[in-house]
C-alpha atoms as a PDB file:
ATOM      1  CA  MET A   1     -18.162 -25.676  27.102  1.00  0.00           C
ATOM      2  CA  LYS A   2     -16.830 -22.242  26.158  1.00  0.00           C
ATOM      3  CA  LEU A   3     -13.261 -23.304  26.974  1.00  0.00           C
ATOM      4  CA  ARG A   4     -13.712 -26.512  24.997  1.00  0.00           C
ATOM      5  CA  GLY A   5     -14.864 -24.454  21.984  1.00  0.00           C
ATOM      6  CA  GLU A   6     -11.867 -22.141  22.315  1.00  0.00           C
ATOM      7  CA  PHE A   7      -9.591 -25.176  22.684  1.00  0.00           C
ATOM      8  CA  GLU A   8     -10.940 -26.702  19.473  1.00  0.00           C
ATOM      9  CA  SER A   9     -10.568 -23.358  17.693  1.00  0.00           C
ATOM     10  CA  LEU A  10      -6.959 -23.065  18.822  1.00  0.00           C
ATOM     11  CA  LYS A  11      -6.303 -26.684  17.884  1.00  0.00           C
ATOM     12  CA  GLN A  12      -7.626 -25.999  14.379  1.00  0.00           C
ATOM     13  CA  ARG A  13      -5.517 -22.824  14.105  1.00  0.00           C
ATOM     14  CA  ILE A  14      -2.404 -24.765  15.169  1.00  0.00           C
ATOM     15  CA  SER A  15      -3.144 -27.390  12.529  1.00  0.00           C
ATOM     16  CA  ILE A  16      -3.433 -24.701   9.839  1.00  0.00           C
ATOM     17  CA  LEU A  17      -0.169 -23.074  10.949  1.00  0.00           C
ATOM     18  CA  GLU A  18       1.628 -26.438  10.941  1.00  0.00           C
ATOM     19  CA  GLN A  19       0.465 -27.043   7.360  1.00  0.00           C
ATOM     20  CA  GLU A  20       1.635 -23.570   6.305  1.00  0.00           C
ATOM     21  CA  ASN A  21       4.972 -24.246   8.014  1.00  0.00           C
ATOM     22  CA  ARG A  22       5.395 -27.538   6.116  1.00  0.00           C
ATOM     23  CA  THR A  23       4.582 -25.789   2.838  1.00  0.00           C
ATOM     24  CA  LEU A  24       7.128 -23.038   3.535  1.00  0.00           C
ATOM     25  CA  GLU A  25       9.782 -25.579   4.524  1.00  0.00           C
ATOM     26  CA  GLU A  26       9.218 -27.471   1.260  1.00  0.00           C
ATOM     27  CA  GLN A  27       9.491 -24.225  -0.693  1.00  0.00           C
ATOM     28  CA  LEU A  28      12.695 -23.326   1.160  1.00  0.00           C
ATOM     29  CA  ASP A  29      14.162 -26.761   0.369  1.00  0.00           C
ATOM     30  CA  ARG A  30      13.351 -26.272  -3.337  1.00  0.00           C
ATOM     31  CA  TYR A  31      14.946 -22.807  -3.309  1.00  0.00           C
ATOM     32  CA  SER A  32      18.027 -24.169  -1.534  1.00  0.00           C
ATOM     33  CA  ALA A  33      18.335 -26.838  -4.231  1.00  0.00           C
ATOM     34  CA  GLY A  34      18.081 -24.164  -6.942  1.00  0.00           C
ATOM     35  CA  GLU A  35      14.626 -25.183  -8.119  1.00  0.00           C
ATOM     36  CA  TYR A  36      12.480 -22.149  -8.879  1.00  0.00           C
ATOM     37  CA  SER A  37       8.997 -22.161 -10.331  1.00  0.00           C
ATOM     38  CA  GLU A  38       8.309 -20.215 -13.513  1.00  0.00           C
ATOM     39  CA  ARG A  39       6.037 -17.921 -11.519  1.00  0.00           C
ATOM     40  CA  ASP A  40       8.883 -17.060  -9.131  1.00  0.00           C
ATOM     41  CA  ILE A  41      11.265 -16.406 -12.008  1.00  0.00           C
ATOM     42  CA  VAL A  42       8.836 -14.072 -13.762  1.00  0.00           C
ATOM     43  CA  ALA A  43       7.987 -12.295 -10.498  1.00  0.00           C
ATOM     44  CA  SER A  44      11.681 -11.626  -9.891  1.00  0.00           C
ATOM     45  CA  GLY A  45      12.005  -9.824 -13.216  1.00  0.00           C
ATOM     46  CA  TYR A  46      13.599 -12.449 -15.410  1.00  0.00           C
ATOM     47  CA  VAL A  47      12.175 -13.266 -18.816  1.00  0.00           C
ATOM     48  CA  THR A  48      11.473 -16.862 -19.728  1.00  0.00           C
ATOM     49  CA  ASN A  49      12.913 -18.429 -22.868  1.00  0.00           C
ATOM     50  CA  GLY A  50      10.930 -17.081 -25.825  1.00  0.00           C
ATOM     51  CA  GLY A  51       9.304 -14.402 -23.677  1.00  0.00           C
ATOM     52  CA  LYS A  52       8.766 -10.893 -24.956  1.00  0.00           C
ATOM     53  CA  ILE A  53       9.606  -7.618 -23.275  1.00  0.00           C
ATOM     54  CA  ILE A  54       7.345  -4.627 -23.642  1.00  0.00           C
ATOM     55  CA  ARG A  55       8.908  -1.311 -22.729  1.00  0.00           C
ATOM     56  CA  PHE A  56       6.842   1.777 -22.078  1.00  0.00           C
ATOM     57  CA  GLN A  57       8.648   5.056 -22.482  1.00  0.00           C
ATOM     58  CA  ASP A  58       7.833   7.390 -19.627  1.00  0.00           C
ATOM     59  CA  ASP A  59       8.592  10.942 -20.612  1.00  0.00           C
ATOM     60  CA  GLU A  60       7.364  14.413 -19.759  1.00  0.00           C
ATOM     61  CA  THR A  61       6.362  15.337 -23.285  1.00  0.00           C
ATOM     62  CA  GLY A  62       2.953  15.276 -24.910  1.00  0.00           C
ATOM     63  CA  GLY A  63       2.077  13.192 -27.934  1.00  0.00           C
ATOM     64  CA  SER A  64       4.131  14.987 -30.549  1.00  0.00           C
ATOM     65  CA  SER A  65       4.959  13.376 -33.835  1.00  0.00           C
ATOM     66  CA  PRO A  66       8.578  12.878 -34.969  1.00  0.00           C
ATOM     67  CA  GLY A  67      10.205  15.988 -36.320  1.00  0.00           C
ATOM     68  CA  GLN A  68       8.203  18.317 -34.089  1.00  0.00           C
ATOM     69  CA  SER A  69       9.590  19.784 -30.929  1.00  0.00           C
ATOM     70  CA  PRO A  70       8.049  18.102 -27.934  1.00  0.00           C
ATOM     71  CA  GLU A  71       5.726  20.202 -25.823  1.00  0.00           C
ATOM     72  CA  PRO A  72       6.151  19.738 -22.096  1.00  0.00           C
ATOM     73  CA  VAL A  73       3.114  18.430 -20.280  1.00  0.00           C
ATOM     74  CA  SER A  74       2.233  20.418 -17.210  1.00  0.00           C
ATOM     75  CA  ARG A  75       1.315  18.260 -14.261  1.00  0.00           C
ATOM     76  CA  PHE A  76      -0.084  19.330 -10.940  1.00  0.00           C
ATOM     77  CA  GLU A  77       1.345  17.098  -8.261  1.00  0.00           C
ATOM     78  CA  ILE A  78       1.221  17.509  -4.499  1.00  0.00           C
ATOM     79  CA  ASP A  79       3.476  15.580  -2.192  1.00  0.00           C
ATOM     80  CA  LEU A  80       1.638  13.463   0.378  1.00  0.00           C
ATOM     81  CA  GLY A  81       3.601  15.158   3.159  1.00  0.00           C
ATOM     82  CA  HIS A  82       2.181  18.518   2.119  1.00  0.00           C
ATOM     83  CA  LEU A  83      -1.354  17.151   2.126  1.00  0.00           C
ATOM     84  CA  ARG A  84      -0.838  15.890   5.664  1.00  0.00           C
ATOM     85  CA  ILE A  85       0.365  19.293   6.808  1.00  0.00           C
ATOM     86  CA  ILE A  86      -2.623  20.978   5.168  1.00  0.00           C
ATOM     87  CA  TRP A  87      -5.006  18.477   6.811  1.00  0.00           C
ATOM     88  CA  ILE A  88      -3.427  19.027  10.244  1.00  0.00           C
ATOM     89  CA  MET A  89      -3.662  22.810   9.870  1.00  0.00           C
ATOM     90  CA  PHE A  90      -7.275  22.582   8.731  1.00  0.00           C
ATOM     91  CA  SER A  91      -8.119  20.306  11.670  1.00  0.00           C
ATOM     92  CA  LEU A  92      -6.456  22.670  14.144  1.00  0.00           C
ATOM     93  CA  ILE A  93      -8.352  25.647  12.770  1.00  0.00           C
ATOM     94  CA  ILE A  94     -11.669  23.792  13.025  1.00  0.00           C
ATOM     95  CA  ALA A  95     -10.857  22.603  16.577  1.00  0.00           C
ATOM     96  CA  PHE A  96      -9.820  26.122  17.612  1.00  0.00           C
ATOM     97  CA  TYR A  97     -13.023  27.586  16.167  1.00  0.00           C
ATOM     98  CA  TYR A  98     -15.136  24.888  17.855  1.00  0.00           C
ATOM     99  CA  PHE A  99     -13.603  25.371  21.318  1.00  0.00           C
ATOM    100  CA  LYS A 100     -13.723  29.158  21.032  1.00  0.00           C
ATOM    101  CA  LYS A 101     -17.387  28.990  20.051  1.00  0.00           C
ATOM    102  CA  LYS A 102     -18.086  26.502  22.841  1.00  0.00           C
ATOM    103  CA  SER A 103     -16.323  28.588  25.502  1.00  0.00           C
ATOM    104  CA  SER A 104     -18.067  31.784  24.373  1.00  0.00           C
ATOM    105  CA  GLY A 105     -21.442  29.973  24.476  1.00  0.00           C
ATOM    106  CA  VAL A 106     -20.808  28.736  28.029  1.00  0.00           C
ATOM    107  CA  ASP A 107     -19.891  32.227  29.212  1.00  0.00           C
ATOM    108  CA  GLU A 108     -23.110  33.705  27.826  1.00  0.00           C
ATOM    109  CA  TYR A 109     -25.300  31.243  29.722  1.00  0.00           C
ATOM    110  CA  HIS A 110     -23.404  31.452  33.009  1.00  0.00           C
ATOM    111  CA  GLY A 111     -22.575  35.115  32.953  1.00  0.00           C
END
Protein backbone atom coordinates (compact mmCIF):
# COMPACT_ATOMS: atom_id res chain seq x y z
CA MET A 1 0.00 0.00 0.00
CA LYS A 2 2.88 2.34 0.83
CA LEU A 3 4.52 1.66 -2.54
CA ARG A 4 1.21 2.19 -4.32
CA GLY A 5 0.86 5.58 -2.58
CA GLU A 6 4.40 6.55 -3.57
CA PHE A 7 3.71 5.36 -7.12
CA GLU A 8 0.61 7.54 -7.36
CA SER A 9 2.54 10.49 -5.92
CA LEU A 10 5.29 10.04 -8.48
CA LYS A 11 2.74 9.61 -11.26
CA GLN A 12 1.12 12.91 -10.25
CA ARG A 13 4.52 14.64 -10.10
CA ILE A 14 5.36 13.34 -13.59
CA SER A 15 2.05 14.66 -14.89
CA ILE A 16 2.78 18.11 -13.42
CA LEU A 17 6.28 18.14 -14.93
CA GLU A 18 4.93 17.11 -18.34
CA GLN A 19 2.45 20.00 -18.23
CA GLU A 20 5.22 22.44 -17.26
CA ASN A 21 7.35 21.06 -20.11
CA ARG A 22 4.52 21.60 -22.62
CA THR A 23 4.05 25.16 -21.37
CA LEU A 24 7.77 25.90 -21.70
CA GLU A 25 7.89 24.38 -25.18
CA GLU A 26 4.97 26.58 -26.26
CA GLN A 27 6.70 29.63 -24.83
CA LEU A 28 9.93 28.70 -26.62
CA ASP A 29 8.04 28.31 -29.91
CA ARG A 30 6.50 31.78 -29.46
CA TYR A 31 9.92 33.28 -28.69
CA SER A 32 11.44 31.54 -31.72
CA ALA A 33 8.68 33.04 -33.88
CA GLY A 34 9.41 36.50 -32.46
CA GLU A 35 6.21 36.74 -30.45
CA TYR A 36 6.83 38.31 -27.05
CA SER A 37 4.22 39.18 -24.46
CA GLU A 38 4.00 42.74 -23.18
CA ARG A 39 5.06 41.49 -19.76
CA ASP A 40 8.26 40.00 -21.22
CA ILE A 41 9.03 43.19 -23.11
CA VAL A 42 8.60 45.37 -20.03
CA ALA A 43 10.62 42.94 -17.88
CA SER A 44 13.50 43.12 -20.36
CA GLY A 45 13.71 46.90 -19.99
CA TYR A 46 11.93 48.12 -23.09
CA VAL A 47 9.22 50.74 -22.87
CA THR A 48 5.89 50.12 -24.54
CA ASN A 49 4.42 52.59 -27.02
CA GLY A 50 3.10 55.55 -25.03
CA GLY A 51 4.87 54.38 -21.88
CA LYS A 52 6.58 56.82 -19.55
CA ILE A 53 10.05 56.63 -18.08
CA ILE A 54 10.72 57.81 -14.56
CA ARG A 55 14.36 58.43 -13.74
CA PHE A 56 15.60 58.74 -10.20
CA GLN A 57 18.85 60.59 -9.76
CA ASP A 58 21.12 58.75 -7.37
CA ASP A 59 23.73 61.10 -6.02
CA GLU A 60 25.82 61.48 -2.89
CA THR A 61 24.55 64.93 -2.00
CA GLY A 62 21.89 65.95 0.48
CA GLY A 63 18.73 67.81 -0.44
CA SER A 64 20.23 71.16 -1.36
CA SER A 65 18.31 73.66 -3.39
CA PRO A 66 19.65 74.99 -6.72
CA GLY A 67 22.31 77.62 -6.37
CA GLN A 68 23.65 76.20 -3.12
CA SER A 69 26.71 74.04 -2.95
CA PRO A 70 25.75 70.46 -2.32
CA GLU A 71 26.69 69.02 1.04
CA PRO A 72 28.02 65.48 0.91
CA VAL A 73 25.99 62.92 2.80
CA SER A 74 28.06 60.75 5.07
CA ARG A 75 27.11 57.11 4.91
CA PHE A 76 28.31 54.29 7.09
CA GLU A 77 28.57 51.18 4.98
CA ILE A 78 30.22 47.87 5.81
CA ASP A 79 31.05 45.32 3.17
CA LEU A 80 29.43 41.93 3.73
CA GLY A 81 32.85 40.28 3.51
CA HIS A 82 34.03 42.32 6.49
CA LEU A 83 30.98 41.33 8.51
CA ARG A 84 31.72 37.68 7.81
CA ILE A 85 35.30 38.08 9.00
CA ILE A 86 34.12 39.83 12.17
CA TRP A 87 31.56 37.07 12.81
CA ILE A 88 34.19 34.34 12.32
CA MET A 89 36.61 36.09 14.68
CA PHE A 90 33.89 36.57 17.28
CA SER A 91 32.89 32.90 17.00
CA LEU A 92 36.49 31.75 17.38
CA ILE A 93 36.99 33.89 20.47
CA ILE A 94 33.81 32.52 22.06
CA ALA A 95 34.79 28.92 21.17
CA PHE A 96 38.31 29.45 22.54
CA TYR A 97 36.92 30.91 25.78
CA TYR A 98 34.39 28.06 26.10
CA PHE A 99 36.96 25.27 25.60
CA LYS A 100 39.48 26.96 27.89
CA LYS A 101 36.84 27.31 30.59
CA LYS A 102 35.71 23.72 30.05
CA SER A 103 39.25 22.30 30.21
CA SER A 104 40.08 24.32 33.33
CA GLY A 105 36.84 23.10 34.98
CA VAL A 106 37.68 19.46 34.20
CA ASP A 107 41.17 19.82 35.67
CA GLU A 108 39.81 21.23 38.94
CA TYR A 109 37.48 18.27 39.48
CA HIS A 110 39.99 15.59 38.52
CA GLY A 111 43.08 17.14 40.00
